[in-house]
Amino acid sequence: MGTPETSREPCPDRILDDIGGAFGMGAVGGSAFHFLKGVYNSPTGSRFLGGSQAVRMNAPRVGGSFAVWGGLFSAFDCTMVYARQKEDPWNSIFAGAATGGFLQMRQGLGASARSALFGGVLLALIEGAGIMLNKVLSAQENMPVMIEDPGPGVALPMGLPGQTANEVGSSSDSGWFGGWFGGGKKKEEVRSGGSETEILESFDAPPVPTFELK
């Protein structure tokens, strides 16, 4: 699973991609917010018309503000990538701080510094949450699958791995087909002194001849 830095577009195309995504996010969110606000502030009977008018007047402005922020952030991010020659979360943190400070530069040095600090802290929290989420997901993917072996009292089906030949033979002889097609013979195992002896007994034994004179 790739990190957010490696899963994004390369740097020249990243700026346009972030501008479009930020504009769409701002337009959709601003439309919902200003529609509800316009419906609430409009008089009875024209609430839907008032909400629609508020969306037309304010949604493009909100989307444009988001697009400006996204474009500046991507531009500073690509600048940090070019300067440091590597992709890591520090690029996003520095880009967030630079974007916040640049947007508030007209309000003075103090406001610009506070906005830069806020942007850096916000991006640090976002990147930290992303790193923790990636670690949790990768740990779940790399967990080994534990398969417990059945105990000695659990019967295994025919042909399973781990079943010995004696177990397979005994299970086949004691089954239904073994009783029907066994030829009237029964197999017994006599265990003595660590050795196994097979004894075949026939149910149809021939009669014993007698030599008595009649």
N, C-alpha and C. Protein backbone atom coordinates (compact mmCIF):
# COMPACT_ATOMS: atom_id res chain seq x y z
N MET A 1 0.86 -1.20 0.00
CA MET A 1 0.00 0.00 0.00
C MET A 1 0.89 1.24 0.00
N GLY A 2 0.67 2.13 -0.99
CA GLY A 2 1.53 3.28 -1.11
C GLY A 2 1.18 4.38 -0.13
N THR A 3 2.17 5.20 0.17
CA THR A 3 1.95 6.35 1.03
C THR A 3 1.26 7.46 0.24
N PRO A 4 0.69 8.46 0.91
CA PRO A 4 0.05 9.55 0.17
C PRO A 4 1.00 10.28 -0.76
N GLU A 5 2.33 10.32 -0.45
CA GLU A 5 3.27 11.02 -1.31
C GLU A 5 3.53 10.25 -2.60
N THR A 6 3.61 8.90 -2.50
CA THR A 6 3.91 8.11 -3.68
C THR A 6 2.68 7.83 -4.52
N SER A 7 1.48 7.95 -3.96
CA SER A 7 0.26 7.67 -4.71
C SER A 7 -0.27 8.90 -5.43
N ARG A 8 0.33 10.08 -5.26
CA ARG A 8 -0.13 11.28 -5.92
C ARG A 8 0.49 11.40 -7.31
N GLU A 9 -0.01 12.36 -8.08
CA GLU A 9 0.51 12.60 -9.42
C GLU A 9 1.92 13.18 -9.34
N PRO A 10 2.73 13.03 -10.40
CA PRO A 10 4.05 13.68 -10.41
C PRO A 10 3.92 15.20 -10.38
N CYS A 11 5.03 15.83 -10.09
CA CYS A 11 4.97 17.24 -9.69
C CYS A 11 4.42 18.21 -10.72
N PRO A 12 4.73 18.17 -11.98
CA PRO A 12 4.10 19.18 -12.85
C PRO A 12 2.59 19.01 -12.95
N ASP A 13 2.12 17.78 -12.99
CA ASP A 13 0.69 17.53 -13.10
C ASP A 13 -0.03 17.61 -11.76
N ARG A 14 0.72 17.55 -10.68
CA ARG A 14 0.10 17.58 -9.35
C ARG A 14 -0.58 18.91 -9.08
N ILE A 15 -0.05 19.98 -9.61
CA ILE A 15 -0.60 21.31 -9.33
C ILE A 15 -1.99 21.43 -9.93
N LEU A 16 -2.13 21.05 -11.20
CA LEU A 16 -3.44 21.12 -11.84
C LEU A 16 -4.43 20.15 -11.20
N ASP A 17 -3.95 18.98 -10.83
CA ASP A 17 -4.83 18.00 -10.19
C ASP A 17 -5.35 18.53 -8.86
N ASP A 18 -4.49 19.14 -8.06
CA ASP A 18 -4.93 19.68 -6.77
C ASP A 18 -5.83 20.90 -6.93
N ILE A 19 -5.58 21.71 -7.95
CA ILE A 19 -6.45 22.87 -8.17
C ILE A 19 -7.87 22.41 -8.51
N GLY A 20 -7.98 21.43 -9.41
CA GLY A 20 -9.30 20.93 -9.76
C GLY A 20 -10.01 20.25 -8.59
N GLY A 21 -9.27 19.43 -7.85
CA GLY A 21 -9.88 18.77 -6.70
C GLY A 21 -10.32 19.74 -5.63
N ALA A 22 -9.49 20.76 -5.34
CA ALA A 22 -9.86 21.75 -4.33
C ALA A 22 -11.05 22.60 -4.78
N PHE A 23 -11.10 22.93 -6.07
CA PHE A 23 -12.25 23.70 -6.55
C PHE A 23 -13.54 22.89 -6.44
N GLY A 24 -13.50 21.62 -6.82
CA GLY A 24 -14.69 20.78 -6.70
C GLY A 24 -15.14 20.62 -5.26
N MET A 25 -14.17 20.41 -4.37
CA MET A 25 -14.52 20.28 -2.95
C MET A 25 -15.16 21.55 -2.41
N GLY A 26 -14.56 22.69 -2.73
CA GLY A 26 -15.12 23.95 -2.25
C GLY A 26 -16.47 24.26 -2.86
N ALA A 27 -16.65 23.95 -4.14
CA ALA A 27 -17.93 24.24 -4.80
C ALA A 27 -19.04 23.38 -4.22
N VAL A 28 -18.77 22.09 -4.01
CA VAL A 28 -19.81 21.21 -3.47
C VAL A 28 -20.13 21.58 -2.02
N GLY A 29 -19.08 21.73 -1.20
CA GLY A 29 -19.32 22.09 0.19
C GLY A 29 -19.95 23.46 0.34
N GLY A 30 -19.48 24.44 -0.45
CA GLY A 30 -20.08 25.77 -0.39
C GLY A 30 -21.50 25.80 -0.87
N SER A 31 -21.83 24.98 -1.87
CA SER A 31 -23.21 24.92 -2.35
C SER A 31 -24.14 24.41 -1.27
N ALA A 32 -23.74 23.34 -0.60
CA ALA A 32 -24.59 22.78 0.46
C ALA A 32 -24.76 23.78 1.60
N PHE A 33 -23.64 24.41 2.00
CA PHE A 33 -23.71 25.34 3.14
C PHE A 33 -24.57 26.56 2.81
N HIS A 34 -24.35 27.18 1.67
CA HIS A 34 -25.06 28.41 1.34
C HIS A 34 -26.50 28.13 0.93
N PHE A 35 -26.80 26.92 0.43
CA PHE A 35 -28.20 26.61 0.14
C PHE A 35 -29.00 26.52 1.44
N LEU A 36 -28.45 25.83 2.42
CA LEU A 36 -29.15 25.74 3.71
C LEU A 36 -29.26 27.12 4.37
N LYS A 37 -28.20 27.91 4.24
CA LYS A 37 -28.25 29.25 4.82
C LYS A 37 -29.28 30.13 4.12
N GLY A 38 -29.35 30.02 2.79
CA GLY A 38 -30.34 30.81 2.05
C GLY A 38 -31.76 30.37 2.33
N VAL A 39 -31.98 29.06 2.48
CA VAL A 39 -33.31 28.58 2.83
C VAL A 39 -33.73 29.07 4.20
N TYR A 40 -32.78 29.08 5.15
CA TYR A 40 -33.11 29.53 6.51
C TYR A 40 -33.41 31.02 6.56
N ASN A 41 -32.68 31.82 5.76
CA ASN A 41 -32.87 33.28 5.83
C ASN A 41 -33.95 33.79 4.90
N SER A 42 -34.47 32.97 4.03
CA SER A 42 -35.50 33.43 3.08
C SER A 42 -36.88 33.39 3.73
N PRO A 43 -37.79 34.22 3.29
CA PRO A 43 -39.15 34.22 3.85
C PRO A 43 -39.93 32.98 3.39
N THR A 44 -41.02 32.72 4.07
CA THR A 44 -41.86 31.57 3.75
C THR A 44 -42.48 31.75 2.37
N GLY A 45 -42.42 30.69 1.58
CA GLY A 45 -42.96 30.73 0.22
C GLY A 45 -41.89 30.88 -0.84
N SER A 46 -40.74 31.38 -0.47
CA SER A 46 -39.65 31.54 -1.45
C SER A 46 -38.33 31.03 -0.89
N ARG A 47 -38.41 29.99 -0.07
CA ARG A 47 -37.19 29.48 0.54
C ARG A 47 -36.30 28.78 -0.49
N PHE A 48 -36.90 27.95 -1.35
CA PHE A 48 -36.09 27.25 -2.36
C PHE A 48 -35.45 28.23 -3.32
N LEU A 49 -36.17 29.27 -3.71
CA LEU A 49 -35.61 30.28 -4.61
C LEU A 49 -34.47 31.04 -3.93
N GLY A 50 -34.65 31.35 -2.65
CA GLY A 50 -33.58 32.05 -1.92
C GLY A 50 -32.34 31.18 -1.76
N GLY A 51 -32.55 29.87 -1.49
CA GLY A 51 -31.40 28.98 -1.38
C GLY A 51 -30.65 28.83 -2.69
N SER A 52 -31.37 28.73 -3.80
CA SER A 52 -30.73 28.62 -5.12
C SER A 52 -29.94 29.89 -5.46
N GLN A 53 -30.51 31.04 -5.14
CA GLN A 53 -29.82 32.29 -5.42
C GLN A 53 -28.56 32.42 -4.57
N ALA A 54 -28.61 31.97 -3.32
CA ALA A 54 -27.42 32.02 -2.47
C ALA A 54 -26.33 31.10 -3.00
N VAL A 55 -26.72 29.95 -3.55
CA VAL A 55 -25.73 29.04 -4.14
C VAL A 55 -25.07 29.69 -5.35
N ARG A 56 -25.84 30.30 -6.25
CA ARG A 56 -25.28 30.93 -7.44
C ARG A 56 -24.34 32.08 -7.09
N MET A 57 -24.61 32.78 -6.01
CA MET A 57 -23.80 33.94 -5.66
C MET A 57 -22.53 33.56 -4.90
N ASN A 58 -22.57 32.49 -4.09
CA ASN A 58 -21.46 32.22 -3.17
C ASN A 58 -20.66 30.97 -3.49
N ALA A 59 -21.26 29.96 -4.14
CA ALA A 59 -20.54 28.71 -4.39
C ALA A 59 -19.30 28.91 -5.26
N PRO A 60 -19.36 29.69 -6.38
CA PRO A 60 -18.13 29.90 -7.16
C PRO A 60 -17.02 30.60 -6.37
N ARG A 61 -17.41 31.52 -5.49
CA ARG A 61 -16.39 32.21 -4.70
C ARG A 61 -15.70 31.25 -3.73
N VAL A 62 -16.47 30.40 -3.08
CA VAL A 62 -15.86 29.43 -2.16
C VAL A 62 -14.99 28.44 -2.93
N GLY A 63 -15.47 27.96 -4.07
CA GLY A 63 -14.66 27.05 -4.87
C GLY A 63 -13.38 27.70 -5.35
N GLY A 64 -13.45 28.98 -5.74
CA GLY A 64 -12.23 29.68 -6.16
C GLY A 64 -11.23 29.84 -5.02
N SER A 65 -11.71 30.11 -3.81
CA SER A 65 -10.81 30.23 -2.66
C SER A 65 -10.11 28.90 -2.37
N PHE A 66 -10.87 27.82 -2.45
CA PHE A 66 -10.25 26.51 -2.25
C PHE A 66 -9.24 26.20 -3.35
N ALA A 67 -9.56 26.59 -4.58
CA ALA A 67 -8.64 26.33 -5.69
C ALA A 67 -7.33 27.11 -5.52
N VAL A 68 -7.43 28.35 -5.05
CA VAL A 68 -6.21 29.13 -4.80
C VAL A 68 -5.36 28.47 -3.73
N TRP A 69 -5.99 28.03 -2.66
CA TRP A 69 -5.23 27.37 -1.59
C TRP A 69 -4.59 26.08 -2.09
N GLY A 70 -5.36 25.27 -2.86
CA GLY A 70 -4.80 24.02 -3.37
C GLY A 70 -3.67 24.24 -4.36
N GLY A 71 -3.81 25.26 -5.22
CA GLY A 71 -2.74 25.55 -6.17
C GLY A 71 -1.46 26.02 -5.50
N LEU A 72 -1.58 26.91 -4.52
CA LEU A 72 -0.40 27.37 -3.80
C LEU A 72 0.26 26.23 -3.01
N PHE A 73 -0.56 25.40 -2.39
CA PHE A 73 -0.01 24.29 -1.63
C PHE A 73 0.77 23.34 -2.54
N SER A 74 0.21 23.02 -3.71
CA SER A 74 0.91 22.11 -4.62
C SER A 74 2.17 22.76 -5.18
N ALA A 75 2.11 24.06 -5.43
CA ALA A 75 3.30 24.74 -5.94
C ALA A 75 4.43 24.72 -4.91
N PHE A 76 4.12 25.02 -3.66
CA PHE A 76 5.15 24.96 -2.62
C PHE A 76 5.62 23.52 -2.38
N ASP A 77 4.69 22.57 -2.49
CA ASP A 77 5.08 21.16 -2.31
C ASP A 77 6.06 20.72 -3.39
N CYS A 78 5.77 21.07 -4.63
CA CYS A 78 6.69 20.72 -5.72
C CYS A 78 8.04 21.44 -5.58
N THR A 79 8.00 22.66 -5.06
CA THR A 79 9.26 23.38 -4.81
C THR A 79 10.10 22.66 -3.77
N MET A 80 9.48 22.17 -2.71
CA MET A 80 10.22 21.43 -1.69
C MET A 80 10.74 20.10 -2.22
N VAL A 81 9.95 19.46 -3.07
CA VAL A 81 10.43 18.21 -3.67
C VAL A 81 11.65 18.46 -4.54
N TYR A 82 11.62 19.53 -5.33
CA TYR A 82 12.76 19.84 -6.18
C TYR A 82 13.98 20.25 -5.36
N ALA A 83 13.75 20.98 -4.25
CA ALA A 83 14.88 21.44 -3.44
C ALA A 83 15.50 20.31 -2.63
N ARG A 84 14.68 19.42 -2.07
CA ARG A 84 15.18 18.36 -1.20
C ARG A 84 15.45 17.05 -1.93
N GLN A 85 14.91 16.92 -3.15
CA GLN A 85 15.11 15.73 -3.98
C GLN A 85 14.59 14.45 -3.32
N LYS A 86 13.49 14.55 -2.60
CA LYS A 86 12.87 13.37 -2.02
C LYS A 86 11.44 13.71 -1.61
N GLU A 87 10.64 12.64 -1.51
CA GLU A 87 9.24 12.76 -1.13
C GLU A 87 9.06 12.24 0.29
N ASP A 88 8.60 13.10 1.19
CA ASP A 88 8.31 12.69 2.55
C ASP A 88 7.29 13.65 3.15
N PRO A 89 6.74 13.36 4.32
CA PRO A 89 5.73 14.25 4.91
C PRO A 89 6.22 15.65 5.23
N TRP A 90 7.53 15.84 5.37
CA TRP A 90 8.03 17.18 5.68
C TRP A 90 7.74 18.17 4.54
N ASN A 91 7.69 17.68 3.32
CA ASN A 91 7.36 18.58 2.21
C ASN A 91 5.95 19.15 2.37
N SER A 92 5.00 18.30 2.74
CA SER A 92 3.63 18.78 2.91
C SER A 92 3.52 19.74 4.10
N ILE A 93 4.25 19.46 5.17
CA ILE A 93 4.20 20.34 6.35
C ILE A 93 4.75 21.72 6.00
N PHE A 94 5.90 21.76 5.34
CA PHE A 94 6.48 23.06 4.94
C PHE A 94 5.59 23.77 3.93
N ALA A 95 4.96 23.00 3.02
CA ALA A 95 4.08 23.62 2.04
C ALA A 95 2.84 24.21 2.70
N GLY A 96 2.28 23.52 3.70
CA GLY A 96 1.13 24.06 4.41
C GLY A 96 1.46 25.33 5.16
N ALA A 97 2.62 25.35 5.81
CA ALA A 97 3.03 26.57 6.52
C ALA A 97 3.27 27.72 5.55
N ALA A 98 3.93 27.45 4.43
CA ALA A 98 4.20 28.51 3.45
C ALA A 98 2.91 29.02 2.82
N THR A 99 1.96 28.14 2.57
CA THR A 99 0.70 28.57 1.98
C THR A 99 -0.09 29.46 2.94
N GLY A 100 -0.18 29.04 4.21
CA GLY A 100 -0.89 29.86 5.18
C GLY A 100 -0.25 31.23 5.37
N GLY A 101 1.08 31.27 5.43
CA GLY A 101 1.74 32.56 5.58
C GLY A 101 1.61 33.44 4.36
N PHE A 102 1.63 32.85 3.16
CA PHE A 102 1.55 33.63 1.93
C PHE A 102 0.17 34.26 1.76
N LEU A 103 -0.87 33.52 2.13
CA LEU A 103 -2.23 34.03 1.95
C LEU A 103 -2.55 35.17 2.91
N GLN A 104 -1.88 35.23 4.05
CA GLN A 104 -2.13 36.28 5.03
C GLN A 104 -1.06 37.36 5.02
N MET A 105 -0.28 37.41 3.97
CA MET A 105 0.82 38.37 3.93
C MET A 105 0.33 39.82 3.90
N ARG A 106 -0.83 40.06 3.32
CA ARG A 106 -1.35 41.44 3.25
C ARG A 106 -1.83 41.95 4.60
N GLN A 107 -2.08 41.05 5.55
CA GLN A 107 -2.56 41.47 6.86
C GLN A 107 -1.44 41.85 7.82
N GLY A 108 -0.21 41.70 7.41
CA GLY A 108 0.91 42.06 8.27
C GLY A 108 1.75 40.84 8.61
N LEU A 109 2.92 41.12 9.19
CA LEU A 109 3.86 40.05 9.51
C LEU A 109 3.33 39.15 10.63
N GLY A 110 2.69 39.73 11.64
CA GLY A 110 2.19 38.92 12.74
C GLY A 110 1.09 37.96 12.30
N ALA A 111 0.14 38.47 11.51
CA ALA A 111 -0.93 37.61 11.01
C ALA A 111 -0.39 36.53 10.08
N SER A 112 0.61 36.89 9.31
CA SER A 112 1.21 35.91 8.40
C SER A 112 1.93 34.80 9.18
N ALA A 113 2.62 35.16 10.25
CA ALA A 113 3.33 34.15 11.05
C ALA A 113 2.34 33.23 11.75
N ARG A 114 1.26 33.81 12.29
CA ARG A 114 0.26 32.96 12.95
C ARG A 114 -0.41 32.01 11.96
N SER A 115 -0.73 32.50 10.78
CA SER A 115 -1.35 31.64 9.77
C SER A 115 -0.39 30.55 9.30
N ALA A 116 0.90 30.89 9.20
CA ALA A 116 1.90 29.89 8.81
C ALA A 116 2.02 28.80 9.87
N LEU A 117 2.01 29.22 11.15
CA LEU A 117 2.09 28.23 12.22
C LEU A 117 0.86 27.32 12.23
N PHE A 118 -0.31 27.92 12.01
CA PHE A 118 -1.54 27.13 11.99
C PHE A 118 -1.53 26.14 10.82
N GLY A 119 -1.08 26.60 9.65
CA GLY A 119 -1.03 25.71 8.49
C GLY A 119 -0.05 24.57 8.68
N GLY A 120 1.11 24.86 9.28
CA GLY A 120 2.08 23.80 9.52
C GLY A 120 1.58 22.76 10.51
N VAL A 121 0.96 23.23 11.59
CA VAL A 121 0.43 22.29 12.59
C VAL A 121 -0.69 21.45 12.00
N LEU A 122 -1.58 22.07 11.21
CA LEU A 122 -2.68 21.33 10.60
C LEU A 122 -2.18 20.25 9.66
N LEU A 123 -1.21 20.58 8.82
CA LEU A 123 -0.66 19.58 7.90
C LEU A 123 0.11 18.50 8.64
N ALA A 124 0.76 18.88 9.77
CA ALA A 124 1.46 17.86 10.55
C ALA A 124 0.48 16.85 11.14
N LEU A 125 -0.66 17.35 11.63
CA LEU A 125 -1.68 16.43 12.16
C LEU A 125 -2.23 15.53 11.06
N ILE A 126 -2.47 16.08 9.88
CA ILE A 126 -3.01 15.28 8.78
C ILE A 126 -2.00 14.21 8.35
N GLU A 127 -0.74 14.59 8.21
CA GLU A 127 0.28 13.62 7.80
C GLU A 127 0.50 12.56 8.86
N GLY A 128 0.47 12.97 10.14
CA GLY A 128 0.63 11.97 11.21
C GLY A 128 -0.51 10.96 11.22
N ALA A 129 -1.74 11.45 11.02
CA ALA A 129 -2.87 10.52 10.96
C ALA A 129 -2.75 9.57 9.78
N GLY A 130 -2.27 10.08 8.64
CA GLY A 130 -2.09 9.21 7.47
C GLY A 130 -1.03 8.15 7.69
N ILE A 131 0.07 8.52 8.35
CA ILE A 131 1.14 7.55 8.62
C ILE A 131 0.65 6.47 9.58
N MET A 132 -0.07 6.87 10.63
CA MET A 132 -0.59 5.87 11.58
C MET A 132 -1.58 4.92 10.91
N LEU A 133 -2.43 5.46 10.03
CA LEU A 133 -3.38 4.61 9.33
C LEU A 133 -2.68 3.62 8.42
N ASN A 134 -1.63 4.07 7.73
CA ASN A 134 -0.87 3.16 6.86
C ASN A 134 -0.18 2.06 7.66
N LYS A 135 0.34 2.40 8.84
CA LYS A 135 0.98 1.38 9.67
C LYS A 135 -0.01 0.34 10.16
N VAL A 136 -1.20 0.81 10.56
CA VAL A 136 -2.21 -0.14 11.04
C VAL A 136 -2.65 -1.08 9.93
N LEU A 137 -2.87 -0.54 8.73
CA LEU A 137 -3.31 -1.37 7.62
C LEU A 137 -2.23 -2.34 7.18
N SER A 138 -0.96 -1.89 7.15
CA SER A 138 0.12 -2.80 6.75
C SER A 138 0.33 -3.89 7.79
N ALA A 139 0.15 -3.56 9.08
CA ALA A 139 0.29 -4.59 10.12
C ALA A 139 -0.80 -5.64 10.01
N GLN A 140 -2.01 -5.23 9.65
CA GLN A 140 -3.09 -6.20 9.46
C GLN A 140 -2.86 -7.07 8.25
N GLU A 141 -2.26 -6.53 7.19
CA GLU A 141 -2.00 -7.34 6.00
C GLU A 141 -0.89 -8.34 6.22
N ASN A 142 0.08 -8.01 7.06
CA ASN A 142 1.23 -8.88 7.28
C ASN A 142 1.05 -9.87 8.42
N MET A 143 -0.13 -9.91 9.04
CA MET A 143 -0.35 -10.85 10.13
C MET A 143 -0.41 -12.27 9.59
N PRO A 144 0.33 -13.24 10.20
CA PRO A 144 0.29 -14.63 9.72
C PRO A 144 -1.04 -15.29 10.05
N VAL A 145 -1.41 -16.21 9.19
CA VAL A 145 -2.65 -16.95 9.39
C VAL A 145 -2.35 -18.18 10.25
N MET A 146 -2.96 -18.25 11.41
CA MET A 146 -2.73 -19.35 12.34
C MET A 146 -3.77 -20.44 12.09
N ILE A 147 -3.28 -21.68 11.82
CA ILE A 147 -4.14 -22.84 11.61
C ILE A 147 -3.84 -23.84 12.70
N GLU A 148 -4.85 -24.13 13.52
CA GLU A 148 -4.66 -25.06 14.63
C GLU A 148 -4.80 -26.50 14.14
N ASP A 149 -3.89 -27.36 14.64
CA ASP A 149 -3.94 -28.77 14.30
C ASP A 149 -5.05 -29.44 15.10
N PRO A 150 -5.79 -30.36 14.48
CA PRO A 150 -6.84 -31.05 15.24
C PRO A 150 -6.24 -31.97 16.27
N GLY A 151 -6.96 -32.15 17.36
CA GLY A 151 -6.49 -33.01 18.44
C GLY A 151 -6.54 -34.47 18.07
N PRO A 152 -6.02 -35.31 18.95
CA PRO A 152 -6.02 -36.74 18.64
C PRO A 152 -7.40 -37.36 18.59
N GLY A 153 -8.38 -36.73 19.23
CA GLY A 153 -9.73 -37.29 19.23
C GLY A 153 -10.59 -36.80 18.08
N VAL A 154 -10.03 -35.93 17.19
CA VAL A 154 -10.82 -35.39 16.09
C VAL A 154 -10.59 -36.25 14.87
N ALA A 155 -11.65 -36.74 14.26
CA ALA A 155 -11.52 -37.60 13.09
C ALA A 155 -11.22 -36.76 11.87
N LEU A 156 -10.28 -37.24 11.05
CA LEU A 156 -9.91 -36.56 9.82
C LEU A 156 -10.62 -37.21 8.65
N PRO A 157 -11.06 -36.47 7.65
CA PRO A 157 -11.66 -37.07 6.47
C PRO A 157 -10.62 -37.76 5.61
N MET A 158 -11.08 -38.51 4.61
CA MET A 158 -10.21 -39.30 3.76
C MET A 158 -9.28 -38.42 2.96
N GLY A 159 -8.01 -38.72 3.00
CA GLY A 159 -7.04 -38.08 2.13
C GLY A 159 -6.57 -36.72 2.57
N LEU A 160 -6.82 -36.31 3.80
CA LEU A 160 -6.35 -35.02 4.24
C LEU A 160 -4.86 -35.09 4.59
N PRO A 161 -4.13 -33.97 4.41
CA PRO A 161 -2.72 -33.97 4.82
C PRO A 161 -2.60 -34.18 6.31
N GLY A 162 -1.61 -34.95 6.70
CA GLY A 162 -1.40 -35.25 8.10
C GLY A 162 -2.02 -36.54 8.54
N GLN A 163 -2.76 -37.24 7.67
CA GLN A 163 -3.39 -38.49 8.03
C GLN A 163 -2.49 -39.63 7.58
N THR A 164 -2.22 -40.55 8.49
CA THR A 164 -1.32 -41.65 8.19
C THR A 164 -2.02 -42.72 7.39
N ALA A 165 -1.21 -43.65 6.85
CA ALA A 165 -1.79 -44.71 6.03
C ALA A 165 -2.65 -45.64 6.85
N ASN A 166 -2.24 -45.92 8.11
CA ASN A 166 -3.05 -46.80 8.96
C ASN A 166 -4.41 -46.20 9.26
N GLU A 167 -4.43 -44.84 9.46
CA GLU A 167 -5.70 -44.20 9.74
C GLU A 167 -6.60 -44.24 8.53
N VAL A 168 -6.02 -44.04 7.33
CA VAL A 168 -6.82 -44.08 6.12
C VAL A 168 -7.35 -45.48 5.89
N GLY A 169 -6.50 -46.50 6.10
CA GLY A 169 -6.93 -47.87 5.90
C GLY A 169 -8.01 -48.29 6.87
N SER A 170 -7.84 -47.93 8.14
CA SER A 170 -8.84 -48.31 9.13
C SER A 170 -10.16 -47.62 8.88
N SER A 171 -10.11 -46.33 8.43
CA SER A 171 -11.36 -45.63 8.16
C SER A 171 -12.06 -46.19 6.95
N SER A 172 -11.28 -46.63 5.92
CA SER A 172 -11.92 -47.19 4.74
C SER A 172 -12.49 -48.57 5.00
N ASP A 173 -11.84 -49.37 5.86
CA ASP A 173 -12.35 -50.70 6.14
C ASP A 173 -13.58 -50.66 7.02
N SER A 174 -13.67 -49.66 7.88
CA SER A 174 -14.81 -49.60 8.79
C SER A 174 -15.99 -48.86 8.22
N GLY A 175 -15.87 -48.33 6.98
CA GLY A 175 -16.96 -47.59 6.38
C GLY A 175 -18.01 -48.52 5.81
N TRP A 176 -18.99 -47.89 5.11
CA TRP A 176 -20.08 -48.66 4.52
C TRP A 176 -19.59 -49.57 3.42
N PHE A 177 -18.76 -48.99 2.50
CA PHE A 177 -18.28 -49.80 1.38
C PHE A 177 -17.33 -50.89 1.82
N GLY A 178 -16.58 -50.61 2.90
CA GLY A 178 -15.71 -51.65 3.41
C GLY A 178 -16.48 -52.83 3.96
N GLY A 179 -17.65 -52.56 4.55
CA GLY A 179 -18.47 -53.66 5.07
C GLY A 179 -19.15 -54.46 3.97
N TRP A 180 -19.46 -53.79 2.84
CA TRP A 180 -20.17 -54.50 1.76
C TRP A 180 -19.23 -55.28 0.87
N PHE A 181 -18.08 -54.68 0.53
CA PHE A 181 -17.18 -55.29 -0.43
C PHE A 181 -15.91 -55.81 0.22
N GLY A 182 -15.94 -56.09 1.48
CA GLY A 182 -14.74 -56.59 2.15
C GLY A 182 -14.52 -58.07 1.96
N GLY A 183 -15.42 -58.81 1.28
CA GLY A 183 -15.24 -60.24 1.05
C GLY A 183 -15.46 -61.06 2.29
N GLY A 184 -16.18 -60.55 3.28
CA GLY A 184 -16.46 -61.32 4.48
C GLY A 184 -15.29 -61.49 5.39
N LYS A 185 -14.30 -60.60 5.27
CA LYS A 185 -13.10 -60.72 6.09
C LYS A 185 -12.95 -59.50 6.96
N LYS A 186 -12.35 -59.69 8.05
CA LYS A 186 -12.16 -58.65 9.04
C LYS A 186 -10.69 -58.53 9.35
N LYS A 187 -10.19 -57.28 9.41
CA LYS A 187 -8.78 -57.06 9.70
C LYS A 187 -8.65 -56.57 11.13
N GLU A 188 -7.77 -57.20 11.88
CA GLU A 188 -7.51 -56.80 13.25
C GLU A 188 -6.04 -56.51 13.40
N GLU A 189 -5.73 -55.54 14.21
CA GLU A 189 -4.36 -55.19 14.51
C GLU A 189 -4.07 -55.55 15.95
N VAL A 190 -3.02 -56.33 16.13
CA VAL A 190 -2.59 -56.74 17.46
C VAL A 190 -1.28 -56.03 17.73
N ARG A 191 -1.29 -55.16 18.73
CA ARG A 191 -0.10 -54.39 19.08
C ARG A 191 0.54 -55.03 20.29
N SER A 192 1.78 -55.47 20.16
CA SER A 192 2.51 -56.06 21.28
C SER A 192 3.97 -55.74 21.11
N GLY A 193 4.55 -55.14 22.13
CA GLY A 193 5.98 -54.84 22.12
C GLY A 193 6.38 -53.88 21.03
N GLY A 194 5.52 -52.97 20.65
CA GLY A 194 5.88 -51.98 19.66
C GLY A 194 5.74 -52.48 18.23
N SER A 195 5.32 -53.71 17.98
CA SER A 195 5.16 -54.24 16.63
C SER A 195 3.69 -54.44 16.34
N GLU A 196 3.35 -54.40 15.05
CA GLU A 196 1.98 -54.55 14.63
C GLU A 196 1.86 -55.86 13.84
N THR A 197 0.89 -56.65 14.15
CA THR A 197 0.66 -57.92 13.47
C THR A 197 -0.75 -57.92 12.94
N GLU A 198 -0.91 -58.21 11.66
CA GLU A 198 -2.21 -58.26 11.03
C GLU A 198 -2.70 -59.69 11.01
N ILE A 199 -3.90 -59.92 11.48
CA ILE A 199 -4.50 -61.25 11.53
C ILE A 199 -5.76 -61.21 10.70
N LEU A 200 -5.81 -62.08 9.71
CA LEU A 200 -6.99 -62.19 8.86
C LEU A 200 -7.83 -63.37 9.34
N GLU A 201 -9.05 -63.11 9.67
CA GLU A 201 -9.97 -64.16 10.12
C GLU A 201 -11.09 -64.30 9.12
N SER A 202 -11.42 -65.51 8.80
CA SER A 202 -12.48 -65.79 7.84
C SER A 202 -13.71 -66.24 8.60
N PHE A 203 -14.84 -65.74 8.16
CA PHE A 203 -16.09 -66.17 8.78
C PHE A 203 -16.55 -67.55 8.28
N ASP A 204 -16.15 -67.93 7.05
CA ASP A 204 -16.55 -69.21 6.46
C ASP A 204 -15.39 -70.19 6.53
N ALA A 205 -15.09 -70.73 7.70
CA ALA A 205 -13.99 -71.68 7.85
C ALA A 205 -14.42 -73.07 7.35
N PRO A 206 -13.52 -73.82 6.65
CA PRO A 206 -13.90 -75.17 6.15
C PRO A 206 -14.05 -76.13 7.32
N PRO A 207 -14.85 -77.19 7.18
CA PRO A 207 -15.02 -78.18 8.27
C PRO A 207 -13.75 -78.99 8.48
N VAL A 208 -13.49 -79.36 9.71
CA VAL A 208 -12.31 -80.15 10.06
C VAL A 208 -12.59 -81.63 9.76
N PRO A 209 -11.73 -82.30 8.95
CA PRO A 209 -12.00 -83.72 8.61
C PRO A 209 -11.73 -84.61 9.83
N THR A 210 -12.51 -85.67 9.96
CA THR A 210 -12.34 -86.67 11.05
C THR A 210 -12.00 -88.02 10.40
N PHE A 211 -11.19 -88.78 11.10
CA PHE A 211 -10.76 -90.09 10.61
C PHE A 211 -11.35 -91.22 11.43
N GLU A 212 -12.47 -91.05 12.02
CA GLU A 212 -13.12 -92.12 12.81
C GLU A 212 -13.77 -93.14 11.89
N LEU A 213 -13.60 -94.38 12.25
CA LEU A 213 -14.23 -95.48 11.48
C LEU A 213 -15.67 -95.64 11.91
N LYS A 214 -16.51 -95.79 10.94
CA LYS A 214 -17.91 -96.02 11.24
C LYS A 214 -18.27 -97.48 11.12
